[in-house]
Amino acid sequence: MVTEIDKTLRVIQNLTLAMMMMRRRKRMMMMMMMMMMRRRRRRRRRRRRRRKMRMMRMMRMRMMMMRRRRRRGRRGRRRRRRRRRRRRRRMMSNHL
């Protein structure tokens, strides 16, 4: 009876120890990952990220402007042509 109880206790202790070790490993891994991420973020923020953010913002602004131009373009081309004609007429009147 004693040997069986001892065996079960040992098994339980081993399992608990294994679980604790796994948890510790997981925690250590998580901490390491967090530290790595923080280091990467700090490095990027100092040097690369600002430039990248500026570049991305500039690209987005350009894309938005291009899209707006395209949207207006189909409607606005006629208006521009009319304006050009008016200018030509004014120029002709000045010459006369």
PDB file of N, CA and C in Angstrom:
ATOM      1  N   MET A   1       0.839  -1.206   0.000  1.00  0.00           N
ATOM      2  CA  MET A   1       0.000   0.000   0.000  1.00  0.00           C
ATOM      3  C   MET A   1       0.881   1.267   0.000  1.00  0.00           C
ATOM      4  N   VAL A   2       1.916   1.256   0.843  1.00  0.00           N
ATOM      5  CA  VAL A   2       2.784   2.436   0.973  1.00  0.00           C
ATOM      6  C   VAL A   2       3.507   2.723  -0.339  1.00  0.00           C
ATOM      7  N   THR A   3       3.992   1.637  -0.984  1.00  0.00           N
ATOM      8  CA  THR A   3       4.748   1.826  -2.239  1.00  0.00           C
ATOM      9  C   THR A   3       3.855   2.433  -3.313  1.00  0.00           C
ATOM     10  N   GLU A   4       2.609   1.977  -3.393  1.00  0.00           N
ATOM     11  CA  GLU A   4       1.670   2.510  -4.408  1.00  0.00           C
ATOM     12  C   GLU A   4       1.401   3.989  -4.157  1.00  0.00           C
ATOM     13  N   ILE A   5       1.170   4.328  -2.917  1.00  0.00           N
ATOM     14  CA  ILE A   5       0.917   5.729  -2.549  1.00  0.00           C
ATOM     15  C   ILE A   5       2.148   6.584  -2.872  1.00  0.00           C
ATOM     16  N   ASP A   6       3.326   6.048  -2.525  1.00  0.00           N
ATOM     17  CA  ASP A   6       4.562   6.774  -2.831  1.00  0.00           C
ATOM     18  C   ASP A   6       4.712   7.004  -4.325  1.00  0.00           C
ATOM     19  N   LYS A   7       4.405   5.935  -5.098  1.00  0.00           N
ATOM     20  CA  LYS A   7       4.508   6.038  -6.559  1.00  0.00           C
ATOM     21  C   LYS A   7       3.567   7.120  -7.079  1.00  0.00           C
ATOM     22  N   THR A   8       2.316   7.083  -6.608  1.00  0.00           N
ATOM     23  CA  THR A   8       1.319   8.070  -7.066  1.00  0.00           C
ATOM     24  C   THR A   8       1.751   9.481  -6.678  1.00  0.00           C
ATOM     25  N   LEU A   9       2.256   9.627  -5.457  1.00  0.00           N
ATOM     26  CA  LEU A   9       2.722  10.945  -4.993  1.00  0.00           C
ATOM     27  C   LEU A   9       3.867  11.443  -5.873  1.00  0.00           C
ATOM     28  N   ARG A  10       4.803  10.512  -6.157  1.00  0.00           N
ATOM     29  CA  ARG A  10       5.936  10.872  -7.012  1.00  0.00           C
ATOM     30  C   ARG A  10       5.453  11.317  -8.388  1.00  0.00           C
ATOM     31  N   VAL A  11       4.494  10.560  -8.936  1.00  0.00           N
ATOM     32  CA  VAL A  11       3.948  10.891 -10.262  1.00  0.00           C
ATOM     33  C   VAL A  11       3.306  12.279 -10.229  1.00  0.00           C
ATOM     34  N   ILE A  12       2.504  12.497  -9.160  1.00  0.00           N
ATOM     35  CA  ILE A  12       1.826  13.790  -9.021  1.00  0.00           C
ATOM     36  C   ILE A  12       2.853  14.909  -8.893  1.00  0.00           C
ATOM     37  N   GLN A  13       3.896  14.676  -8.072  1.00  0.00           N
ATOM     38  CA  GLN A  13       4.949  15.680  -7.892  1.00  0.00           C
ATOM     39  C   GLN A  13       5.661  15.956  -9.210  1.00  0.00           C
ATOM     40  N   ASN A  14       5.958  14.884  -9.941  1.00  0.00           N
ATOM     41  CA  ASN A  14       6.628  15.050 -11.232  1.00  0.00           C
ATOM     42  C   ASN A  14       5.771  15.851 -12.197  1.00  0.00           C
ATOM     43  N   LEU A  15       4.480  15.524 -12.215  1.00  0.00           N
ATOM     44  CA  LEU A  15       3.561  16.244 -13.097  1.00  0.00           C
ATOM     45  C   LEU A  15       3.499  17.723 -12.710  1.00  0.00           C
ATOM     46  N   THR A  16       3.364  17.982 -11.410  1.00  0.00           N
ATOM     47  CA  THR A  16       3.276  19.371 -10.932  1.00  0.00           C
ATOM     48  C   THR A  16       4.563  20.124 -11.272  1.00  0.00           C
ATOM     49  N   LEU A  17       5.704  19.461 -11.069  1.00  0.00           N
ATOM     50  CA  LEU A  17       6.988  20.082 -11.393  1.00  0.00           C
ATOM     51  C   LEU A  17       7.078  20.375 -12.895  1.00  0.00           C
ATOM     52  N   ALA A  18       6.651  19.396 -13.691  1.00  0.00           N
ATOM     53  CA  ALA A  18       6.680  19.556 -15.147  1.00  0.00           C
ATOM     54  C   ALA A  18       5.795  20.746 -15.563  1.00  0.00           C
ATOM     55  N   MET A  19       4.600  20.819 -14.963  1.00  0.00           N
ATOM     56  CA  MET A  19       3.675  21.914 -15.263  1.00  0.00           C
ATOM     57  C   MET A  19       4.299  23.263 -14.885  1.00  0.00           C
ATOM     58  N   MET A  20       4.904  23.287 -13.702  1.00  0.00           N
ATOM     59  CA  MET A  20       5.539  24.521 -13.234  1.00  0.00           C
ATOM     60  C   MET A  20       6.660  24.934 -14.181  1.00  0.00           C
ATOM     61  N   MET A  21       7.463  23.944 -14.602  1.00  0.00           N
ATOM     62  CA  MET A  21       8.570  24.233 -15.505  1.00  0.00           C
ATOM     63  C   MET A  21       8.041  24.767 -16.844  1.00  0.00           C
ATOM     64  N   MET A  22       6.975  24.135 -17.351  1.00  0.00           N
ATOM     65  CA  MET A  22       6.377  24.552 -18.615  1.00  0.00           C
ATOM     66  C   MET A  22       5.867  25.993 -18.498  1.00  0.00           C
ATOM     67  N   ARG A  23       5.197  26.262 -17.365  1.00  0.00           N
ATOM     68  CA  ARG A  23       4.676  27.610 -17.149  1.00  0.00           C
ATOM     69  C   ARG A  23       5.805  28.627 -17.091  1.00  0.00           C
ATOM     70  N   ARG A  24       6.875  28.258 -16.363  1.00  0.00           N
ATOM     71  CA  ARG A  24       8.029  29.145 -16.255  1.00  0.00           C
ATOM     72  C   ARG A  24       8.642  29.397 -17.626  1.00  0.00           C
ATOM     73  N   ARG A  25       8.760  28.318 -18.405  1.00  0.00           N
ATOM     74  CA  ARG A  25       9.328  28.453 -19.752  1.00  0.00           C
ATOM     75  C   ARG A  25       8.465  29.375 -20.600  1.00  0.00           C
ATOM     76  N   LYS A  26       7.140  29.162 -20.508  1.00  0.00           N
ATOM     77  CA  LYS A  26       6.220  29.996 -21.275  1.00  0.00           C
ATOM     78  C   LYS A  26       6.356  31.452 -20.877  1.00  0.00           C
ATOM     79  N   ARG A  27       6.407  31.684 -19.560  1.00  0.00           N
ATOM     80  CA  ARG A  27       6.556  33.047 -19.058  1.00  0.00           C
ATOM     81  C   ARG A  27       7.858  33.672 -19.546  1.00  0.00           C
ATOM     82  N   MET A  28       8.944  32.881 -19.469  1.00  0.00           N
ATOM     83  CA  MET A  28      10.251  33.370 -19.906  1.00  0.00           C
ATOM     84  C   MET A  28      10.215  33.709 -21.402  1.00  0.00           C
ATOM     85  N   MET A  29       9.589  32.815 -22.180  1.00  0.00           N
ATOM     86  CA  MET A  29       9.487  33.038 -23.616  1.00  0.00           C
ATOM     87  C   MET A  29       8.689  34.303 -23.899  1.00  0.00           C
ATOM     88  N   MET A  30       7.577  34.461 -23.184  1.00  0.00           N
ATOM     89  CA  MET A  30       6.735  35.637 -23.361  1.00  0.00           C
ATOM     90  C   MET A  30       7.507  36.905 -23.004  1.00  0.00           C
ATOM     91  N   MET A  31       8.231  36.845 -21.892  1.00  0.00           N
ATOM     92  CA  MET A  31       9.017  37.998 -21.459  1.00  0.00           C
ATOM     93  C   MET A  31      10.086  38.328 -22.498  1.00  0.00           C
ATOM     94  N   MET A  32      10.749  37.298 -23.004  1.00  0.00           N
ATOM     95  CA  MET A  32      11.785  37.494 -24.007  1.00  0.00           C
ATOM     96  C   MET A  32      11.187  38.117 -25.266  1.00  0.00           C
ATOM     97  N   MET A  33      10.032  37.591 -25.686  1.00  0.00           N
ATOM     98  CA  MET A  33       9.363  38.107 -26.877  1.00  0.00           C
ATOM     99  C   MET A  33       8.985  39.572 -26.683  1.00  0.00           C
ATOM    100  N   MET A  34       8.444  39.875 -25.509  1.00  0.00           N
ATOM    101  CA  MET A  34       8.047  41.247 -25.205  1.00  0.00           C
ATOM    102  C   MET A  34       9.261  42.174 -25.235  1.00  0.00           C
ATOM    103  N   MET A  35      10.347  41.723 -24.631  1.00  0.00           N
ATOM    104  CA  MET A  35      11.570  42.526 -24.606  1.00  0.00           C
ATOM    105  C   MET A  35      12.085  42.756 -26.027  1.00  0.00           C
ATOM    106  N   MET A  36      12.072  41.710 -26.834  1.00  0.00           N
ATOM    107  CA  MET A  36      12.540  41.808 -28.211  1.00  0.00           C
ATOM    108  C   MET A  36      11.670  42.794 -28.992  1.00  0.00           C
ATOM    109  N   MET A  37      10.358  42.673 -28.811  1.00  0.00           N
ATOM    110  CA  MET A  37       9.425  43.556 -29.508  1.00  0.00           C
ATOM    111  C   MET A  37       9.661  45.005 -29.090  1.00  0.00           C
ATOM    112  N   ARG A  38       9.836  45.223 -27.793  1.00  0.00           N
ATOM    113  CA  ARG A  38      10.080  46.576 -27.296  1.00  0.00           C
ATOM    114  C   ARG A  38      11.358  47.147 -27.883  1.00  0.00           C
ATOM    115  N   ARG A  39      12.434  46.326 -27.894  1.00  0.00           N
ATOM    116  CA  ARG A  39      13.711  46.771 -28.446  1.00  0.00           C
ATOM    117  C   ARG A  39      13.548  47.139 -29.919  1.00  0.00           C
ATOM    118  N   ARG A  40      12.864  46.268 -30.664  1.00  0.00           N
ATOM    119  CA  ARG A  40      12.662  46.512 -32.086  1.00  0.00           C
ATOM    120  C   ARG A  40      11.886  47.806 -32.297  1.00  0.00           C
ATOM    121  N   ARG A  41      10.811  47.977 -31.519  1.00  0.00           N
ATOM    122  CA  ARG A  41       9.994  49.175 -31.647  1.00  0.00           C
ATOM    123  C   ARG A  41      10.810  50.425 -31.361  1.00  0.00           C
ATOM    124  N   ARG A  42      11.596  50.383 -30.277  1.00  0.00           N
ATOM    125  CA  ARG A  42      12.410  51.541 -29.915  1.00  0.00           C
ATOM    126  C   ARG A  42      13.394  51.879 -31.030  1.00  0.00           C
ATOM    127  N   ARG A  43      14.067  50.848 -31.551  1.00  0.00           N
ATOM    128  CA  ARG A  43      15.045  51.068 -32.617  1.00  0.00           C
ATOM    129  C   ARG A  43      14.364  51.665 -33.843  1.00  0.00           C
ATOM    130  N   ARG A  44      13.219  51.096 -34.217  1.00  0.00           N
ATOM    131  CA  ARG A  44      12.510  51.581 -35.390  1.00  0.00           C
ATOM    132  C   ARG A  44      12.044  53.020 -35.191  1.00  0.00           C
ATOM    133  N   ARG A  45      11.522  53.301 -33.985  1.00  0.00           N
ATOM    134  CA  ARG A  45      11.028  54.647 -33.711  1.00  0.00           C
ATOM    135  C   ARG A  45      12.143  55.675 -33.835  1.00  0.00           C
ATOM    136  N   ARG A  46      13.329  55.325 -33.326  1.00  0.00           N
ATOM    137  CA  ARG A  46      14.441  56.270 -33.352  1.00  0.00           C
ATOM    138  C   ARG A  46      14.877  56.590 -34.775  1.00  0.00           C
ATOM    139  N   ARG A  47      15.026  55.550 -35.597  1.00  0.00           N
ATOM    140  CA  ARG A  47      15.634  55.770 -36.911  1.00  0.00           C
ATOM    141  C   ARG A  47      14.653  55.593 -38.059  1.00  0.00           C
ATOM    142  N   ARG A  48      14.141  54.373 -38.185  1.00  0.00           N
ATOM    143  CA  ARG A  48      13.424  54.023 -39.406  1.00  0.00           C
ATOM    144  C   ARG A  48      11.968  54.473 -39.397  1.00  0.00           C
ATOM    145  N   ARG A  49      11.293  54.261 -38.258  1.00  0.00           N
ATOM    146  CA  ARG A  49       9.844  54.392 -38.272  1.00  0.00           C
ATOM    147  C   ARG A  49       9.366  55.777 -38.669  1.00  0.00           C
ATOM    148  N   ARG A  50      10.048  56.814 -38.172  1.00  0.00           N
ATOM    149  CA  ARG A  50       9.621  58.166 -38.519  1.00  0.00           C
ATOM    150  C   ARG A  50       9.709  58.387 -40.021  1.00  0.00           C
ATOM    151  N   ARG A  51      10.831  57.971 -40.596  1.00  0.00           N
ATOM    152  CA  ARG A  51      10.995  58.096 -42.049  1.00  0.00           C
ATOM    153  C   ARG A  51       9.924  57.295 -42.774  1.00  0.00           C
ATOM    154  N   LYS A  52       9.711  56.050 -42.293  1.00  0.00           N
ATOM    155  CA  LYS A  52       8.716  55.193 -42.925  1.00  0.00           C
ATOM    156  C   LYS A  52       7.328  55.798 -42.809  1.00  0.00           C
ATOM    157  N   MET A  53       7.012  56.333 -41.623  1.00  0.00           N
ATOM    158  CA  MET A  53       5.707  56.949 -41.413  1.00  0.00           C
ATOM    159  C   MET A  53       5.541  58.146 -42.339  1.00  0.00           C
ATOM    160  N   ARG A  54       6.606  58.977 -42.437  1.00  0.00           N
ATOM    161  CA  ARG A  54       6.546  60.127 -43.326  1.00  0.00           C
ATOM    162  C   ARG A  54       6.346  59.685 -44.768  1.00  0.00           C
ATOM    163  N   MET A  55       7.115  58.684 -45.180  1.00  0.00           N
ATOM    164  CA  MET A  55       7.019  58.173 -46.548  1.00  0.00           C
ATOM    165  C   MET A  55       5.624  57.627 -46.810  1.00  0.00           C
ATOM    166  N   MET A  56       5.110  56.867 -45.853  1.00  0.00           N
ATOM    167  CA  MET A  56       3.778  56.277 -45.995  1.00  0.00           C
ATOM    168  C   MET A  56       2.726  57.379 -46.084  1.00  0.00           C
ATOM    169  N   ARG A  57       2.866  58.398 -45.213  1.00  0.00           N
ATOM    170  CA  ARG A  57       1.910  59.511 -45.238  1.00  0.00           C
ATOM    171  C   ARG A  57       1.963  60.234 -46.569  1.00  0.00           C
ATOM    172  N   MET A  58       3.175  60.483 -47.058  1.00  0.00           N
ATOM    173  CA  MET A  58       3.344  61.166 -48.332  1.00  0.00           C
ATOM    174  C   MET A  58       2.723  60.349 -49.459  1.00  0.00           C
ATOM    175  N   MET A  59       2.994  59.036 -49.437  1.00  0.00           N
ATOM    176  CA  MET A  59       2.448  58.153 -50.467  1.00  0.00           C
ATOM    177  C   MET A  59       0.928  58.149 -50.407  1.00  0.00           C
ATOM    178  N   ARG A  60       0.380  58.083 -49.180  1.00  0.00           N
ATOM    179  CA  ARG A  60      -1.078  58.079 -49.019  1.00  0.00           C
ATOM    180  C   ARG A  60      -1.687  59.373 -49.524  1.00  0.00           C
ATOM    181  N   MET A  61      -1.043  60.483 -49.172  1.00  0.00           N
ATOM    182  CA  MET A  61      -1.526  61.791 -49.622  1.00  0.00           C
ATOM    183  C   MET A  61      -1.516  61.859 -51.143  1.00  0.00           C
ATOM    184  N   ARG A  62      -0.418  61.381 -51.734  1.00  0.00           N
ATOM    185  CA  ARG A  62      -0.314  61.377 -53.199  1.00  0.00           C
ATOM    186  C   ARG A  62      -1.400  60.518 -53.818  1.00  0.00           C
ATOM    187  N   MET A  63      -1.603  59.330 -53.235  1.00  0.00           N
ATOM    188  CA  MET A  63      -2.626  58.416 -53.749  1.00  0.00           C
ATOM    189  C   MET A  63      -4.007  59.060 -53.654  1.00  0.00           C
ATOM    190  N   MET A  64      -4.278  59.705 -52.515  1.00  0.00           N
ATOM    191  CA  MET A  64      -5.569  60.370 -52.323  1.00  0.00           C
ATOM    192  C   MET A  64      -5.744  61.482 -53.351  1.00  0.00           C
ATOM    193  N   MET A  65      -4.697  62.265 -53.572  1.00  0.00           N
ATOM    194  CA  MET A  65      -4.749  63.359 -54.540  1.00  0.00           C
ATOM    195  C   MET A  65      -4.996  62.809 -55.940  1.00  0.00           C
ATOM    196  N   MET A  66      -4.293  61.727 -56.275  1.00  0.00           N
ATOM    197  CA  MET A  66      -4.459  61.102 -57.584  1.00  0.00           C
ATOM    198  C   MET A  66      -5.881  60.597 -57.755  1.00  0.00           C
ATOM    199  N   ARG A  67      -6.399  59.959 -56.708  1.00  0.00           N
ATOM    200  CA  ARG A  67      -7.766  59.447 -56.763  1.00  0.00           C
ATOM    201  C   ARG A  67      -8.770  60.586 -56.941  1.00  0.00           C
ATOM    202  N   ARG A  68      -8.547  61.670 -56.179  1.00  0.00           N
ATOM    203  CA  ARG A  68      -9.435  62.829 -56.285  1.00  0.00           C
ATOM    204  C   ARG A  68      -9.388  63.401 -57.690  1.00  0.00           C
ATOM    205  N   ARG A  69      -8.173  63.510 -58.239  1.00  0.00           N
ATOM    206  CA  ARG A  69      -8.016  64.020 -59.593  1.00  0.00           C
ATOM    207  C   ARG A  69      -8.736  63.136 -60.593  1.00  0.00           C
ATOM    208  N   ARG A  70      -8.595  61.818 -60.397  1.00  0.00           N
ATOM    209  CA  ARG A  70      -9.257  60.876 -61.302  1.00  0.00           C
ATOM    210  C   ARG A  70     -10.773  61.002 -61.197  1.00  0.00           C
ATOM    211  N   ARG A  71     -11.253  61.116 -59.948  1.00  0.00           N
ATOM    212  CA  ARG A  71     -12.697  61.250 -59.743  1.00  0.00           C
ATOM    213  C   ARG A  71     -13.220  62.529 -60.385  1.00  0.00           C
ATOM    214  N   ARG A  72     -12.493  63.633 -60.147  1.00  0.00           N
ATOM    215  CA  ARG A  72     -12.884  64.910 -60.724  1.00  0.00           C
ATOM    216  C   ARG A  72     -12.652  64.902 -62.237  1.00  0.00           C
ATOM    217  N   GLY A  73     -11.560  64.189 -62.611  1.00  0.00           N
ATOM    218  CA  GLY A  73     -11.064  64.250 -63.979  1.00  0.00           C
ATOM    219  C   GLY A  73     -12.138  64.056 -65.038  1.00  0.00           C
ATOM    220  N   ARG A  74     -12.950  63.014 -64.908  1.00  0.00           N
ATOM    221  CA  ARG A  74     -13.977  62.727 -65.914  1.00  0.00           C
ATOM    222  C   ARG A  74     -14.994  63.857 -65.987  1.00  0.00           C
ATOM    223  N   ARG A  75     -15.367  64.371 -64.795  1.00  0.00           N
ATOM    224  CA  ARG A  75     -16.303  65.498 -64.760  1.00  0.00           C
ATOM    225  C   ARG A  75     -15.589  66.809 -65.095  1.00  0.00           C
ATOM    226  N   GLY A  76     -14.373  66.942 -64.538  1.00  0.00           N
ATOM    227  CA  GLY A  76     -13.665  68.217 -64.572  1.00  0.00           C
ATOM    228  C   GLY A  76     -12.967  68.536 -65.888  1.00  0.00           C
ATOM    229  N   ARG A  77     -12.715  67.519 -66.714  1.00  0.00           N
ATOM    230  CA  ARG A  77     -12.014  67.766 -67.971  1.00  0.00           C
ATOM    231  C   ARG A  77     -12.809  68.710 -68.865  1.00  0.00           C
ATOM    232  N   ARG A  78     -14.122  68.525 -68.901  1.00  0.00           N
ATOM    233  CA  ARG A  78     -14.995  69.381 -69.705  1.00  0.00           C
ATOM    234  C   ARG A  78     -14.894  70.827 -69.229  1.00  0.00           C
ATOM    235  N   ARG A  79     -14.916  70.996 -67.898  1.00  0.00           N
ATOM    236  CA  ARG A  79     -14.815  72.338 -67.317  1.00  0.00           C
ATOM    237  C   ARG A  79     -13.494  72.991 -67.714  1.00  0.00           C
ATOM    238  N   ARG A  80     -12.403  72.191 -67.630  1.00  0.00           N
ATOM    239  CA  ARG A  80     -11.092  72.721 -67.975  1.00  0.00           C
ATOM    240  C   ARG A  80     -11.050  73.153 -69.443  1.00  0.00           C
ATOM    241  N   ARG A  81     -11.635  72.349 -70.306  1.00  0.00           N
ATOM    242  CA  ARG A  81     -11.660  72.683 -71.731  1.00  0.00           C
ATOM    243  C   ARG A  81     -12.415  73.994 -71.970  1.00  0.00           C
ATOM    244  N   ARG A  82     -13.531  74.142 -71.286  1.00  0.00           N
ATOM    245  CA  ARG A  82     -14.311  75.381 -71.411  1.00  0.00           C
ATOM    246  C   ARG A  82     -13.480  76.591 -70.981  1.00  0.00           C
ATOM    247  N   ARG A  83     -12.753  76.414 -69.861  1.00  0.00           N
ATOM    248  CA  ARG A  83     -11.916  77.486 -69.352  1.00  0.00           C
ATOM    249  C   ARG A  83     -10.853  77.867 -70.390  1.00  0.00           C
ATOM    250  N   ARG A  84     -10.242  76.847 -70.988  1.00  0.00           N
ATOM    251  CA  ARG A  84      -9.203  77.093 -71.984  1.00  0.00           C
ATOM    252  C   ARG A  84      -9.777  77.882 -73.176  1.00  0.00           C
ATOM    253  N   ARG A  85     -10.964  77.510 -73.600  1.00  0.00           N
ATOM    254  CA  ARG A  85     -11.610  78.203 -74.721  1.00  0.00           C
ATOM    255  C   ARG A  85     -11.843  79.674 -74.374  1.00  0.00           C
ATOM    256  N   ARG A  86     -12.315  79.886 -73.143  1.00  0.00           N
ATOM    257  CA  ARG A  86     -12.561  81.260 -72.702  1.00  0.00           C
ATOM    258  C   ARG A  86     -11.269  82.063 -72.725  1.00  0.00           C
ATOM    259  N   ARG A  87     -10.186  81.445 -72.231  1.00  0.00           N
ATOM    260  CA  ARG A  87      -8.893  82.120 -72.211  1.00  0.00           C
ATOM    261  C   ARG A  87      -8.453  82.481 -73.625  1.00  0.00           C
ATOM    262  N   ARG A  88      -8.651  81.552 -74.545  1.00  0.00           N
ATOM    263  CA  ARG A  88      -8.265  81.793 -75.938  1.00  0.00           C
ATOM    264  C   ARG A  88      -9.041  82.980 -76.511  1.00  0.00           C
ATOM    265  N   ARG A  89     -10.326  83.020 -76.204  1.00  0.00           N
ATOM    266  CA  ARG A  89     -11.155  84.122 -76.687  1.00  0.00           C
ATOM    267  C   ARG A  89     -10.654  85.457 -76.140  1.00  0.00           C
ATOM    268  N   ARG A  90     -10.302  85.443 -74.839  1.00  0.00           N
ATOM    269  CA  ARG A  90      -9.797  86.662 -74.222  1.00  0.00           C
ATOM    270  C   ARG A  90      -8.486  87.092 -74.887  1.00  0.00           C
ATOM    271  N   MET A  91      -7.632  86.110 -75.139  1.00  0.00           N
ATOM    272  CA  MET A  91      -6.346  86.409 -75.768  1.00  0.00           C
ATOM    273  C   MET A  91      -6.588  87.008 -77.161  1.00  0.00           C
ATOM    274  N   MET A  92      -7.533  86.437 -77.912  1.00  0.00           N
ATOM    275  CA  MET A  92      -7.846  86.919 -79.252  1.00  0.00           C
ATOM    276  C   MET A  92      -8.368  88.354 -79.177  1.00  0.00           C
ATOM    277  N   SER A  93      -9.240  88.603 -78.188  1.00  0.00           N
ATOM    278  CA  SER A  93      -9.797  89.949 -78.033  1.00  0.00           C
ATOM    279  C   SER A  93      -8.683  90.941 -77.705  1.00  0.00           C
ATOM    280  N   ASN A  94      -7.696  90.511 -76.905  1.00  0.00           N
ATOM    281  CA  ASN A  94      -6.568  91.387 -76.591  1.00  0.00           C
ATOM    282  C   ASN A  94      -5.771  91.714 -77.848  1.00  0.00           C
ATOM    283  N   HIS A  95      -5.567  90.706 -78.712  1.00  0.00           N
ATOM    284  CA  HIS A  95      -4.813  90.939 -79.944  1.00  0.00           C
ATOM    285  C   HIS A  95      -5.545  91.917 -80.852  1.00  0.00           C
ATOM    286  N   LEU A  96      -6.881  91.761 -80.944  1.00  0.00           N
ATOM    287  CA  LEU A  96      -7.674  92.649 -81.783  1.00  0.00           C
ATOM    288  C   LEU A  96      -7.693  94.053 -81.175  1.00  0.00           C
TER     289      LEU A  96
END
